[in-house]
Amino acid sequence: MEEPIVVFLTRQSFIEMELNIGKDVWTYFKATAVHTF
């Protein structure tokens, strides 16, 4: 099951990772570093 994840990043990171609005990406993270709001 896919769940959306919202992230905050700088414009520079957005450009360097060649992201686009709506582009599919994979996320990996350490469970101890997760912050929920």
N, C-alpha and C. Protein backbone atom coordinates (compact mmCIF):
# COMPACT_ATOMS: atom_id res chain seq x y z
N MET A 1 0.85 -1.18 0.00
CA MET A 1 0.00 0.00 0.00
C MET A 1 0.89 1.24 0.00
N GLU A 2 0.61 2.17 -0.87
CA GLU A 2 1.38 3.41 -0.95
C GLU A 2 0.74 4.49 -0.10
N GLU A 3 1.55 5.20 0.63
CA GLU A 3 1.09 6.31 1.45
C GLU A 3 1.88 7.55 1.06
N PRO A 4 1.23 8.69 0.92
CA PRO A 4 1.97 9.91 0.59
C PRO A 4 2.82 10.38 1.77
N ILE A 5 3.97 10.92 1.47
CA ILE A 5 4.86 11.50 2.48
C ILE A 5 5.14 12.94 2.07
N VAL A 6 4.99 13.86 3.00
CA VAL A 6 5.27 15.27 2.74
C VAL A 6 6.65 15.59 3.28
N VAL A 7 7.47 16.25 2.49
CA VAL A 7 8.81 16.62 2.92
C VAL A 7 9.04 18.11 2.71
N PHE A 8 9.96 18.65 3.46
CA PHE A 8 10.39 20.03 3.30
C PHE A 8 11.84 20.00 2.85
N LEU A 9 12.16 20.69 1.76
CA LEU A 9 13.53 20.75 1.30
C LEU A 9 13.80 22.10 0.66
N THR A 10 15.07 22.41 0.50
CA THR A 10 15.44 23.69 -0.08
C THR A 10 15.25 23.67 -1.59
N ARG A 11 15.15 24.85 -2.16
CA ARG A 11 15.05 24.97 -3.62
C ARG A 11 16.28 24.35 -4.27
N GLN A 12 17.46 24.58 -3.67
CA GLN A 12 18.70 24.02 -4.22
C GLN A 12 18.65 22.50 -4.25
N SER A 13 18.17 21.87 -3.18
CA SER A 13 18.05 20.40 -3.15
C SER A 13 17.06 19.93 -4.20
N PHE A 14 15.95 20.64 -4.36
CA PHE A 14 14.94 20.32 -5.36
C PHE A 14 15.57 20.29 -6.75
N ILE A 15 16.40 21.29 -7.03
CA ILE A 15 17.06 21.38 -8.33
C ILE A 15 18.11 20.29 -8.49
N GLU A 16 18.95 20.09 -7.46
CA GLU A 16 20.03 19.10 -7.54
C GLU A 16 19.51 17.69 -7.72
N MET A 17 18.37 17.37 -7.13
CA MET A 17 17.80 16.02 -7.26
C MET A 17 16.93 15.88 -8.50
N GLU A 18 16.85 16.97 -9.28
CA GLU A 18 16.07 16.98 -10.52
C GLU A 18 14.63 16.53 -10.29
N LEU A 19 14.03 17.09 -9.23
CA LEU A 19 12.65 16.76 -8.90
C LEU A 19 11.68 17.60 -9.72
N ASN A 20 10.48 17.13 -9.86
CA ASN A 20 9.39 17.85 -10.50
C ASN A 20 8.13 17.58 -9.69
N ILE A 21 7.20 18.52 -9.70
CA ILE A 21 5.93 18.32 -9.01
C ILE A 21 5.25 17.09 -9.61
N GLY A 22 4.85 16.16 -8.75
CA GLY A 22 4.17 14.95 -9.21
C GLY A 22 5.09 13.79 -9.56
N LYS A 23 6.40 14.00 -9.52
CA LYS A 23 7.35 12.94 -9.85
C LYS A 23 7.35 11.89 -8.74
N ASP A 24 7.35 10.62 -9.12
CA ASP A 24 7.42 9.54 -8.14
C ASP A 24 8.86 9.41 -7.62
N VAL A 25 8.99 9.28 -6.32
CA VAL A 25 10.31 9.08 -5.70
C VAL A 25 10.19 8.02 -4.62
N TRP A 26 11.30 7.42 -4.25
CA TRP A 26 11.36 6.45 -3.15
C TRP A 26 11.98 7.14 -1.95
N THR A 27 11.50 6.82 -0.76
CA THR A 27 12.07 7.40 0.45
C THR A 27 12.62 6.30 1.34
N TYR A 28 13.73 6.61 1.98
CA TYR A 28 14.35 5.73 2.96
C TYR A 28 14.72 6.60 4.15
N PHE A 29 14.48 6.10 5.35
CA PHE A 29 14.83 6.89 6.52
C PHE A 29 15.01 5.98 7.72
N LYS A 30 15.73 6.49 8.71
CA LYS A 30 15.92 5.76 9.96
C LYS A 30 14.70 5.99 10.84
N ALA A 31 14.20 4.94 11.42
CA ALA A 31 13.01 5.06 12.27
C ALA A 31 13.25 6.00 13.45
N THR A 32 14.47 6.09 13.94
CA THR A 32 14.75 6.96 15.09
C THR A 32 14.82 8.43 14.69
N ALA A 33 14.81 8.73 13.38
CA ALA A 33 14.91 10.11 12.93
C ALA A 33 13.58 10.66 12.42
N VAL A 34 12.49 9.96 12.63
CA VAL A 34 11.19 10.39 12.10
C VAL A 34 10.52 11.35 13.08
N HIS A 35 10.04 12.46 12.55
CA HIS A 35 9.27 13.42 13.34
C HIS A 35 7.88 13.51 12.72
N THR A 36 6.85 13.35 13.51
CA THR A 36 5.49 13.45 12.99
C THR A 36 4.84 14.72 13.52
N PHE A 37 3.97 15.29 12.72
CA PHE A 37 3.28 16.54 13.10
C PHE A 37 1.80 16.32 13.02
